Amino acid sequence: MDQLKDLKIDQDTVVVFTSDHGDMLGEHGQLDKATPYETSAGVAFIVKYPRQVPKGKVIETAYSTIDFAPTILSLGKLVGIRM
């Protein structure tokens, strides 16, 4: 993020952070991902794009991996990427 700011492109760059869903780590007596409790089913999805996403905006709606591609593609259109 510091590098983007130093290059003066931080306002024009879409930054996305996501991950795989996690293990249960002992919650509900489970260690793996086999049971879809919130602990193992939740996936981080953080988007930073100051021109379109207000700082501190939180969306509480649950989404699925099937939602990632349309979200990223729509952000691409916003920044002028031709698809």
Protein backbone atom coordinates (compact mmCIF):
# COMPACT_ATOMS: atom_id res chain seq x y z
CA MET A 1 0.00 0.00 0.00
CA ASP A 2 2.89 2.34 0.76
CA GLN A 3 4.39 1.61 -2.66
CA LEU A 4 1.11 2.45 -4.40
CA LYS A 5 0.98 5.72 -2.46
CA ASP A 6 4.61 6.54 -3.30
CA LEU A 7 3.85 5.96 -6.98
CA LYS A 8 0.74 8.17 -6.64
CA ILE A 9 -1.53 5.44 -7.98
CA ASP A 10 -3.24 4.48 -4.73
CA GLN A 11 -6.49 6.26 -5.71
CA ASP A 12 -6.60 4.53 -9.11
CA THR A 13 -5.74 0.99 -8.03
CA VAL A 14 -8.19 -1.71 -7.00
CA VAL A 15 -6.73 -3.80 -4.18
CA VAL A 16 -8.46 -7.08 -3.31
CA PHE A 17 -7.66 -9.36 -0.38
CA THR A 18 -9.31 -12.75 -0.08
CA SER A 19 -8.38 -16.17 1.23
CA ASP A 20 -9.34 -19.78 1.47
CA HIS A 21 -11.83 -20.66 4.20
CA GLY A 22 -10.24 -21.77 7.43
CA ASP A 23 -10.10 -24.87 9.56
CA MET A 24 -12.24 -25.29 12.67
CA LEU A 25 -9.18 -25.33 14.99
CA GLY A 26 -11.04 -27.29 17.67
CA GLU A 27 -14.30 -25.33 17.66
CA HIS A 28 -17.31 -27.65 18.01
CA GLY A 29 -14.78 -30.46 18.54
CA GLN A 30 -13.75 -30.28 14.86
CA LEU A 31 -10.31 -29.70 13.38
CA ASP A 32 -10.96 -29.74 9.65
CA LYS A 33 -13.29 -27.95 7.22
CA ALA A 34 -15.88 -30.72 6.91
CA THR A 35 -18.67 -29.00 8.86
CA PRO A 36 -19.83 -25.64 7.49
CA TYR A 37 -19.95 -23.67 10.72
CA GLU A 38 -19.23 -19.95 10.35
CA THR A 39 -15.66 -20.45 11.57
CA SER A 40 -14.70 -22.64 8.62
CA ALA A 41 -17.11 -21.29 6.02
CA GLY A 42 -16.25 -17.61 6.30
CA VAL A 43 -13.87 -16.14 3.72
CA ALA A 44 -12.28 -12.73 3.93
CA PHE A 45 -13.06 -10.45 0.99
CA ILE A 46 -11.69 -6.94 1.32
CA VAL A 47 -11.72 -4.41 -1.50
CA LYS A 48 -9.95 -1.05 -1.47
CA TYR A 49 -10.81 1.31 -4.28
CA PRO A 50 -11.15 4.86 -2.94
CA ARG A 51 -12.89 6.19 -6.07
CA GLN A 52 -15.87 3.83 -5.65
CA VAL A 53 -15.79 2.15 -2.23
CA PRO A 54 -16.13 4.53 0.74
CA LYS A 55 -13.56 4.05 3.51
CA GLY A 56 -14.96 1.90 6.31
CA LYS A 57 -17.86 0.47 4.29
CA VAL A 58 -18.87 -2.95 5.58
CA ILE A 59 -21.31 -5.29 3.87
CA GLU A 60 -22.74 -7.83 6.29
CA THR A 61 -24.43 -9.99 3.63
CA ALA A 62 -22.91 -13.43 3.20
CA TYR A 63 -21.51 -14.11 -0.23
CA SER A 64 -20.11 -17.18 -1.92
CA THR A 65 -17.11 -17.81 -4.14
CA ILE A 66 -19.50 -17.69 -7.08
CA ASP A 67 -19.89 -13.94 -6.34
CA PHE A 68 -16.16 -13.18 -6.57
CA ALA A 69 -15.80 -13.24 -10.35
CA PRO A 70 -18.72 -10.89 -11.11
CA THR A 71 -17.52 -8.51 -8.38
CA ILE A 72 -13.96 -8.39 -9.69
CA LEU A 73 -15.11 -8.09 -13.31
CA SER A 74 -17.46 -5.21 -12.46
CA LEU A 75 -14.59 -3.44 -10.69
CA GLY A 76 -12.52 -3.94 -13.84
CA LYS A 77 -15.17 -2.13 -15.85
CA LEU A 78 -15.16 0.75 -13.34
CA VAL A 79 -11.42 1.30 -13.79
CA GLY A 80 -11.61 1.02 -17.56
CA ILE A 81 -10.26 -2.45 -18.19
CA ARG A 82 -11.63 -3.76 -21.47
CA MET A 83 -12.99 -7.28 -21.25
